[in-house]
Amino acid sequence: MDILYLLIPLSLVFVAVIAAFFLWAVKTGQFEDMEGPAHRILMDDDLPEEEAKGEEREKVRK
C-alpha cells in the first residue's frame, strides 16, 4: 500500500511530461503535413546525380 504513495504522483508527473511534449509538437507544426514526406521519398528525380549537380552549378553562375 505504501508504494501507491510513490507510484500515483510519479504517474501523474509522467502523464504531464507526455502531455507537454505532445502540445509542443502540435504547436510547432509537427503534424501539419503527414503525407508530404511519404510522397516525397517515392518521387524519383528525373536527372541522374551528375547532371543535377551540373545544372545546380549553372543556376549558381547565372
PDB file of N, CA and C in Angstrom:
ATOM      1  N   MET A   1       0.818  -1.199   0.000  1.00  0.00           N
ATOM      2  CA  MET A   1       0.000   0.000   0.000  1.00  0.00           C
ATOM      3  C   MET A   1       0.864   1.266   0.000  1.00  0.00           C
ATOM      4  N   ASP A   2       2.003   1.205   0.660  1.00  0.00           N
ATOM      5  CA  ASP A   2       2.885   2.371   0.731  1.00  0.00           C
ATOM      6  C   ASP A   2       3.447   2.748  -0.641  1.00  0.00           C
ATOM      7  N   ILE A   3       3.589   1.764  -1.501  1.00  0.00           N
ATOM      8  CA  ILE A   3       4.148   2.037  -2.831  1.00  0.00           C
ATOM      9  C   ILE A   3       3.211   2.916  -3.656  1.00  0.00           C
ATOM     10  N   LEU A   4       1.920   2.882  -3.367  1.00  0.00           N
ATOM     11  CA  LEU A   4       0.971   3.723  -4.083  1.00  0.00           C
ATOM     12  C   LEU A   4       1.228   5.210  -3.858  1.00  0.00           C
ATOM     13  N   TYR A   5       1.757   5.532  -2.676  1.00  0.00           N
ATOM     14  CA  TYR A   5       2.087   6.935  -2.390  1.00  0.00           C
ATOM     15  C   TYR A   5       3.216   7.433  -3.294  1.00  0.00           C
ATOM     16  N   LEU A   6       4.002   6.531  -3.819  1.00  0.00           N
ATOM     17  CA  LEU A   6       5.069   6.882  -4.752  1.00  0.00           C
ATOM     18  C   LEU A   6       4.592   6.779  -6.203  1.00  0.00           C
ATOM     19  N   LEU A   7       3.875   5.715  -6.516  1.00  0.00           N
ATOM     20  CA  LEU A   7       3.521   5.450  -7.905  1.00  0.00           C
ATOM     21  C   LEU A   7       2.471   6.407  -8.465  1.00  0.00           C
ATOM     22  N   ILE A   8       1.511   6.805  -7.664  1.00  0.00           N
ATOM     23  CA  ILE A   8       0.461   7.702  -8.171  1.00  0.00           C
ATOM     24  C   ILE A   8       1.026   9.079  -8.520  1.00  0.00           C
ATOM     25  N   PRO A   9       1.778   9.745  -7.654  1.00  0.00           N
ATOM     26  CA  PRO A   9       2.368  11.027  -8.075  1.00  0.00           C
ATOM     27  C   PRO A   9       3.359  10.872  -9.228  1.00  0.00           C
ATOM     28  N   LEU A  10       4.117   9.794  -9.231  1.00  0.00           N
ATOM     29  CA  LEU A  10       5.066   9.555 -10.314  1.00  0.00           C
ATOM     30  C   LEU A  10       4.348   9.393 -11.646  1.00  0.00           C
ATOM     31  N   SER A  11       3.244   8.689 -11.646  1.00  0.00           N
ATOM     32  CA  SER A  11       2.486   8.512 -12.886  1.00  0.00           C
ATOM     33  C   SER A  11       1.857   9.836 -13.341  1.00  0.00           C
ATOM     34  N   LEU A  12       1.430  10.665 -12.404  1.00  0.00           N
ATOM     35  CA  LEU A  12       0.874  11.973 -12.769  1.00  0.00           C
ATOM     36  C   LEU A  12       1.940  12.881 -13.388  1.00  0.00           C
ATOM     37  N   VAL A  13       3.142  12.823 -12.857  1.00  0.00           N
ATOM     38  CA  VAL A  13       4.249  13.594 -13.438  1.00  0.00           C
ATOM     39  C   VAL A  13       4.561  13.068 -14.829  1.00  0.00           C
ATOM     40  N   PHE A  14       4.568  11.769 -14.989  1.00  0.00           N
ATOM     41  CA  PHE A  14       4.824  11.141 -16.281  1.00  0.00           C
ATOM     42  C   PHE A  14       3.779  11.563 -17.312  1.00  0.00           C
ATOM     43  N   VAL A  15       2.529  11.573 -16.950  1.00  0.00           N
ATOM     44  CA  VAL A  15       1.452  11.998 -17.851  1.00  0.00           C
ATOM     45  C   VAL A  15       1.598  13.480 -18.200  1.00  0.00           C
ATOM     46  N   ALA A  16       1.983  14.295 -17.242  1.00  0.00           N
ATOM     47  CA  ALA A  16       2.168  15.728 -17.502  1.00  0.00           C
ATOM     48  C   ALA A  16       3.311  15.966 -18.483  1.00  0.00           C
ATOM     49  N   VAL A  17       4.390  15.212 -18.352  1.00  0.00           N
ATOM     50  CA  VAL A  17       5.524  15.352 -19.278  1.00  0.00           C
ATOM     51  C   VAL A  17       5.117  14.931 -20.689  1.00  0.00           C
ATOM     52  N   ILE A  18       4.396  13.837 -20.796  1.00  0.00           N
ATOM     53  CA  ILE A  18       3.930  13.370 -22.115  1.00  0.00           C
ATOM     54  C   ILE A  18       2.992  14.393 -22.730  1.00  0.00           C
ATOM     55  N   ALA A  19       2.090  14.955 -21.952  1.00  0.00           N
ATOM     56  CA  ALA A  19       1.159  15.962 -22.466  1.00  0.00           C
ATOM     57  C   ALA A  19       1.908  17.216 -22.915  1.00  0.00           C
ATOM     58  N   ALA A  20       2.933  17.602 -22.188  1.00  0.00           N
ATOM     59  CA  ALA A  20       3.725  18.778 -22.566  1.00  0.00           C
ATOM     60  C   ALA A  20       4.441  18.544 -23.895  1.00  0.00           C
ATOM     61  N   PHE A  21       5.027  17.380 -24.077  1.00  0.00           N
ATOM     62  CA  PHE A  21       5.695  17.065 -25.343  1.00  0.00           C
ATOM     63  C   PHE A  21       4.697  17.024 -26.495  1.00  0.00           C
ATOM     64  N   PHE A  22       3.521  16.481 -26.260  1.00  0.00           N
ATOM     65  CA  PHE A  22       2.511  16.419 -27.307  1.00  0.00           C
ATOM     66  C   PHE A  22       2.043  17.818 -27.690  1.00  0.00           C
ATOM     67  N   LEU A  23       1.776  18.665 -26.718  1.00  0.00           N
ATOM     68  CA  LEU A  23       1.348  20.026 -27.012  1.00  0.00           C
ATOM     69  C   LEU A  23       2.443  20.813 -27.730  1.00  0.00           C
ATOM     70  N   TRP A  24       3.700  20.594 -27.355  1.00  0.00           N
ATOM     71  CA  TRP A  24       4.824  21.237 -28.045  1.00  0.00           C
ATOM     72  C   TRP A  24       4.869  20.803 -29.508  1.00  0.00           C
ATOM     73  N   ALA A  25       4.655  19.516 -29.768  1.00  0.00           N
ATOM     74  CA  ALA A  25       4.690  19.008 -31.142  1.00  0.00           C
ATOM     75  C   ALA A  25       3.544  19.591 -31.963  1.00  0.00           C
ATOM     76  N   VAL A  26       2.387  19.730 -31.371  1.00  0.00           N
ATOM     77  CA  VAL A  26       1.246  20.303 -32.090  1.00  0.00           C
ATOM     78  C   VAL A  26       1.484  21.782 -32.393  1.00  0.00           C
ATOM     79  N   LYS A  27       2.006  22.523 -31.437  1.00  0.00           N
ATOM     80  CA  LYS A  27       2.236  23.953 -31.625  1.00  0.00           C
ATOM     81  C   LYS A  27       3.330  24.249 -32.636  1.00  0.00           C
ATOM     82  N   THR A  28       4.331  23.375 -32.746  1.00  0.00           N
ATOM     83  CA  THR A  28       5.425  23.618 -33.674  1.00  0.00           C
ATOM     84  C   THR A  28       5.142  23.067 -35.061  1.00  0.00           C
ATOM     85  N   GLY A  29       3.962  22.515 -35.286  1.00  0.00           N
ATOM     86  CA  GLY A  29       3.564  22.085 -36.622  1.00  0.00           C
ATOM     87  C   GLY A  29       4.082  20.724 -37.035  1.00  0.00           C
ATOM     88  N   GLN A  30       4.368  19.857 -36.094  1.00  0.00           N
ATOM     89  CA  GLN A  30       4.877  18.534 -36.435  1.00  0.00           C
ATOM     90  C   GLN A  30       3.833  17.664 -37.133  1.00  0.00           C
ATOM     91  N   PHE A  31       2.562  17.981 -36.967  1.00  0.00           N
ATOM     92  CA  PHE A  31       1.505  17.159 -37.541  1.00  0.00           C
ATOM     93  C   PHE A  31       0.798  17.859 -38.701  1.00  0.00           C
ATOM     94  N   GLU A  32       1.403  18.889 -39.267  1.00  0.00           N
ATOM     95  CA  GLU A  32       0.759  19.647 -40.334  1.00  0.00           C
ATOM     96  C   GLU A  32       0.653  18.850 -41.636  1.00  0.00           C
ATOM     97  N   ASP A  33       1.765  18.311 -42.108  1.00  0.00           N
ATOM     98  CA  ASP A  33       1.784  17.619 -43.393  1.00  0.00           C
ATOM     99  C   ASP A  33       2.202  16.176 -43.170  1.00  0.00           C
ATOM    100  N   MET A  34       1.233  15.302 -43.018  1.00  0.00           N
ATOM    101  CA  MET A  34       1.545  13.909 -42.733  1.00  0.00           C
ATOM    102  C   MET A  34       1.820  13.102 -44.001  1.00  0.00           C
ATOM    103  N   GLU A  35       1.336  13.561 -45.168  1.00  0.00           N
ATOM    104  CA  GLU A  35       1.506  12.799 -46.393  1.00  0.00           C
ATOM    105  C   GLU A  35       2.667  13.291 -47.245  1.00  0.00           C
ATOM    106  N   GLY A  36       3.104  14.513 -47.064  1.00  0.00           N
ATOM    107  CA  GLY A  36       4.158  15.082 -47.897  1.00  0.00           C
ATOM    108  C   GLY A  36       5.454  14.292 -47.886  1.00  0.00           C
ATOM    109  N   PRO A  37       6.025  14.001 -46.719  1.00  0.00           N
ATOM    110  CA  PRO A  37       7.272  13.238 -46.706  1.00  0.00           C
ATOM    111  C   PRO A  37       7.119  11.836 -47.303  1.00  0.00           C
ATOM    112  N   ALA A  38       5.970  11.227 -47.126  1.00  0.00           N
ATOM    113  CA  ALA A  38       5.762   9.889 -47.682  1.00  0.00           C
ATOM    114  C   ALA A  38       5.756   9.930 -49.205  1.00  0.00           C
ATOM    115  N   HIS A  39       5.164  10.973 -49.787  1.00  0.00           N
ATOM    116  CA  HIS A  39       5.148  11.090 -51.244  1.00  0.00           C
ATOM    117  C   HIS A  39       6.506  11.533 -51.777  1.00  0.00           C
ATOM    118  N   ARG A  40       7.194  12.379 -51.047  1.00  0.00           N
ATOM    119  CA  ARG A  40       8.474  12.919 -51.500  1.00  0.00           C
ATOM    120  C   ARG A  40       9.523  11.817 -51.631  1.00  0.00           C
ATOM    121  N   ILE A  41       9.503  10.833 -50.733  1.00  0.00           N
ATOM    122  CA  ILE A  41      10.504   9.776 -50.786  1.00  0.00           C
ATOM    123  C   ILE A  41      10.258   8.853 -51.971  1.00  0.00           C
ATOM    124  N   LEU A  42       9.016   8.793 -52.444  1.00  0.00           N
ATOM    125  CA  LEU A  42       8.701   7.930 -53.578  1.00  0.00           C
ATOM    126  C   LEU A  42       8.969   8.595 -54.919  1.00  0.00           C
ATOM    127  N   MET A  43       9.043   9.916 -54.943  1.00  0.00           N
ATOM    128  CA  MET A  43       9.282  10.621 -56.197  1.00  0.00           C
ATOM    129  C   MET A  43      10.726  10.424 -56.636  1.00  0.00           C
ATOM    130  N   ASP A  44      10.872  10.051 -57.894  1.00  0.00           N
ATOM    131  CA  ASP A  44      12.196   9.814 -58.445  1.00  0.00           C
ATOM    132  C   ASP A  44      12.673  11.063 -59.160  1.00  0.00           C
ATOM    133  N   ASP A  45      13.940  11.392 -58.969  1.00  0.00           N
ATOM    134  CA  ASP A  45      14.497  12.521 -59.696  1.00  0.00           C
ATOM    135  C   ASP A  45      14.592  12.166 -61.170  1.00  0.00           C
ATOM    136  N   ASP A  46      14.304  13.141 -62.021  1.00  0.00           N
ATOM    137  CA  ASP A  46      14.345  12.899 -63.455  1.00  0.00           C
ATOM    138  C   ASP A  46      15.775  12.816 -63.975  1.00  0.00           C
ATOM    139  N   LEU A  47      16.686  13.508 -63.338  1.00  0.00           N
ATOM    140  CA  LEU A  47      18.063  13.557 -63.807  1.00  0.00           C
ATOM    141  C   LEU A  47      18.967  12.718 -62.920  1.00  0.00           C
ATOM    142  N   PRO A  48      19.961  12.075 -63.548  1.00  0.00           N
ATOM    143  CA  PRO A  48      20.960  11.402 -62.704  1.00  0.00           C
ATOM    144  C   PRO A  48      21.703  12.416 -61.845  1.00  0.00           C
ATOM    145  N   GLU A  49      22.390  11.932 -60.850  1.00  0.00           N
ATOM    146  CA  GLU A  49      23.027  12.811 -59.875  1.00  0.00           C
ATOM    147  C   GLU A  49      24.066  13.740 -60.510  1.00  0.00           C
ATOM    148  N   GLU A  50      24.844  13.240 -61.457  1.00  0.00           N
ATOM    149  CA  GLU A  50      25.887  14.057 -62.077  1.00  0.00           C
ATOM    150  C   GLU A  50      25.291  15.216 -62.864  1.00  0.00           C
ATOM    151  N   GLU A  51      24.222  14.945 -63.616  1.00  0.00           N
ATOM    152  CA  GLU A  51      23.595  16.004 -64.403  1.00  0.00           C
ATOM    153  C   GLU A  51      22.940  17.043 -63.490  1.00  0.00           C
ATOM    154  N   ALA A  52      22.342  16.586 -62.405  1.00  0.00           N
ATOM    155  CA  ALA A  52      21.687  17.506 -61.471  1.00  0.00           C
ATOM    156  C   ALA A  52      22.716  18.444 -60.844  1.00  0.00           C
ATOM    157  N   LYS A  53      23.887  17.936 -60.517  1.00  0.00           N
ATOM    158  CA  LYS A  53      24.934  18.780 -59.946  1.00  0.00           C
ATOM    159  C   LYS A  53      25.385  19.828 -60.955  1.00  0.00           C
ATOM    160  N   GLY A  54      25.492  19.417 -62.224  1.00  0.00           N
ATOM    161  CA  GLY A  54      25.895  20.354 -63.266  1.00  0.00           C
ATOM    162  C   GLY A  54      24.879  21.463 -63.451  1.00  0.00           C
ATOM    163  N   GLU A  55      23.611  21.135 -63.394  1.00  0.00           N
ATOM    164  CA  GLU A  55      22.563  22.155 -63.541  1.00  0.00           C
ATOM    165  C   GLU A  55      22.552  23.091 -62.343  1.00  0.00           C
ATOM    166  N   GLU A  56      22.813  22.577 -61.162  1.00  0.00           N
ATOM    167  CA  GLU A  56      22.868  23.440 -59.981  1.00  0.00           C
ATOM    168  C   GLU A  56      24.007  24.438 -60.105  1.00  0.00           C
ATOM    169  N   ARG A  57      25.129  23.986 -60.642  1.00  0.00           N
ATOM    170  CA  ARG A  57      26.266  24.889 -60.830  1.00  0.00           C
ATOM    171  C   ARG A  57      25.920  25.988 -61.825  1.00  0.00           C
ATOM    172  N   GLU A  58      25.185  25.613 -62.888  1.00  0.00           N
ATOM    173  CA  GLU A  58      24.789  26.605 -63.896  1.00  0.00           C
ATOM    174  C   GLU A  58      23.837  27.638 -63.289  1.00  0.00           C
ATOM    175  N   LYS A  59      22.937  27.201 -62.444  1.00  0.00           N
ATOM    176  CA  LYS A  59      21.994  28.115 -61.802  1.00  0.00           C
ATOM    177  C   LYS A  59      22.741  29.110 -60.907  1.00  0.00           C
ATOM    178  N   VAL A  60      23.759  28.629 -60.218  1.00  0.00           N
ATOM    179  CA  VAL A  60      24.526  29.482 -59.325  1.00  0.00           C
ATOM    180  C   VAL A  60      25.305  30.523 -60.146  1.00  0.00           C
ATOM    181  N   ARG A  61      25.810  30.128 -61.300  1.00  0.00           N
ATOM    182  CA  ARG A  61      26.581  31.028 -62.149  1.00  0.00           C
ATOM    183  C   ARG A  61      25.721  32.146 -62.705  1.00  0.00           C
ATOM    184  N   LYS A  62      24.443  31.878 -62.948  1.00  0.00           N
ATOM    185  CA  LYS A  62      23.554  32.886 -63.550  1.00  0.00           C
ATOM    186  C   LYS A  62      23.224  33.893 -62.552  1.00  0.00           C
TER     187      LYS A  62
END
